[in-house]
């Protein structure tokens, strides 16, 4: 898996966890939901968020630079 896929999975998990905690424990956990959402929103513009830096430090590979469907449609690579 790549940094981008881990980021989506971790972000989704944090949102679901914080909503569950808000429901069962305290509504103040919704501030954490907002924090995660704001970080994901700003990372769309800056291409940086704290979790991406952590994942890169842990050695998670970057994306290959495009989807497999797009590469297959473009044809074989020329040498």
Protein backbone atom coordinates (compact mmCIF):
# COMPACT_ATOMS: atom_id res chain seq x y z
CA UNK A 1 0.00 0.00 0.00
CA UNK A 2 1.04 3.57 -0.60
CA UNK A 3 1.04 6.71 1.54
CA UNK A 4 -2.16 7.94 -0.11
CA UNK A 5 -4.04 4.70 0.55
CA UNK A 6 -2.89 4.53 4.16
CA UNK A 7 -3.89 8.17 4.60
CA UNK A 8 -7.43 7.53 3.36
CA UNK A 9 -7.78 4.46 5.56
CA UNK A 10 -6.46 6.12 8.69
CA UNK A 11 -8.53 9.26 8.08
CA UNK A 12 -11.70 7.21 7.62
CA UNK A 13 -10.95 5.15 10.73
CA UNK A 14 -10.36 8.29 12.83
CA UNK A 15 -13.63 9.84 11.65
CA UNK A 16 -15.64 6.70 12.42
CA UNK A 17 -13.91 6.27 15.78
CA UNK A 18 -14.51 9.87 16.84
CA UNK A 19 -18.18 9.75 15.80
CA UNK A 20 -18.64 6.55 17.82
CA UNK A 21 -16.89 8.14 20.82
CA UNK A 22 -19.11 11.23 20.47
CA UNK A 23 -22.20 9.02 20.48
CA UNK A 24 -21.19 6.80 23.39
CA UNK A 25 -18.98 9.08 25.51
CA UNK A 26 -19.00 12.84 24.88
CA UNK A 27 -19.99 15.18 22.08
CA UNK A 28 -16.62 16.90 22.47
CA UNK A 29 -15.13 14.09 20.36
CA UNK A 30 -16.71 15.82 17.35
CA UNK A 31 -13.91 18.39 17.63
CA UNK A 32 -11.52 15.58 16.72
CA UNK A 33 -13.73 14.73 13.74
CA UNK A 34 -13.51 18.36 12.62
CA UNK A 35 -9.72 18.35 13.11
CA UNK A 36 -9.33 15.29 10.88
CA UNK A 37 -11.65 16.78 8.27
CA UNK A 38 -9.81 20.10 8.22
CA UNK A 39 -6.45 18.34 7.85
CA UNK A 40 -7.75 16.28 4.93
CA UNK A 41 -9.24 19.41 3.35
CA UNK A 42 -6.06 21.46 3.60
CA UNK A 43 -3.97 18.54 2.35
CA UNK A 44 -5.99 18.63 -0.88
CA UNK A 45 -4.47 22.06 -1.55
CA UNK A 46 -1.02 21.72 -0.01
CA UNK A 47 -0.34 17.99 -0.59
CA UNK A 48 0.95 17.79 2.99
CA UNK A 49 -0.52 16.65 6.29
CA UNK A 50 1.05 15.40 9.52
CA UNK A 51 0.05 11.78 8.90
CA UNK A 52 1.76 11.77 5.48
CA UNK A 53 4.99 12.91 7.12
CA UNK A 54 4.69 10.15 9.73
CA UNK A 55 3.99 7.47 7.11
CA UNK A 56 6.94 8.59 4.98
CA UNK A 57 9.20 8.48 8.05
CA UNK A 58 8.02 4.90 8.67
CA UNK A 59 9.09 3.99 5.12
CA UNK A 60 5.70 3.63 3.44
CA UNK A 61 6.23 3.90 -0.34
CA UNK A 62 4.90 6.77 -2.42
CA UNK A 63 2.41 6.16 -5.22
CA UNK A 64 3.68 4.94 -8.57
CA UNK A 65 2.49 8.13 -10.25
CA UNK A 66 -0.86 7.11 -11.70
CA UNK A 67 -3.50 4.44 -11.79
CA UNK A 68 -2.96 1.11 -13.49
CA UNK A 69 -5.90 1.67 -15.84
CA UNK A 70 -4.40 4.91 -17.13
CA UNK A 71 -1.03 3.26 -17.70
CA UNK A 72 -2.59 0.32 -19.55
CA UNK A 73 -4.59 2.64 -21.78
CA UNK A 74 -1.45 4.61 -22.67
CA UNK A 75 0.19 1.51 -24.12
CA UNK A 76 3.57 -0.04 -23.46
CA UNK A 77 6.49 2.08 -22.32
CA UNK A 78 9.02 3.06 -24.98
CA UNK A 79 12.71 2.62 -24.32
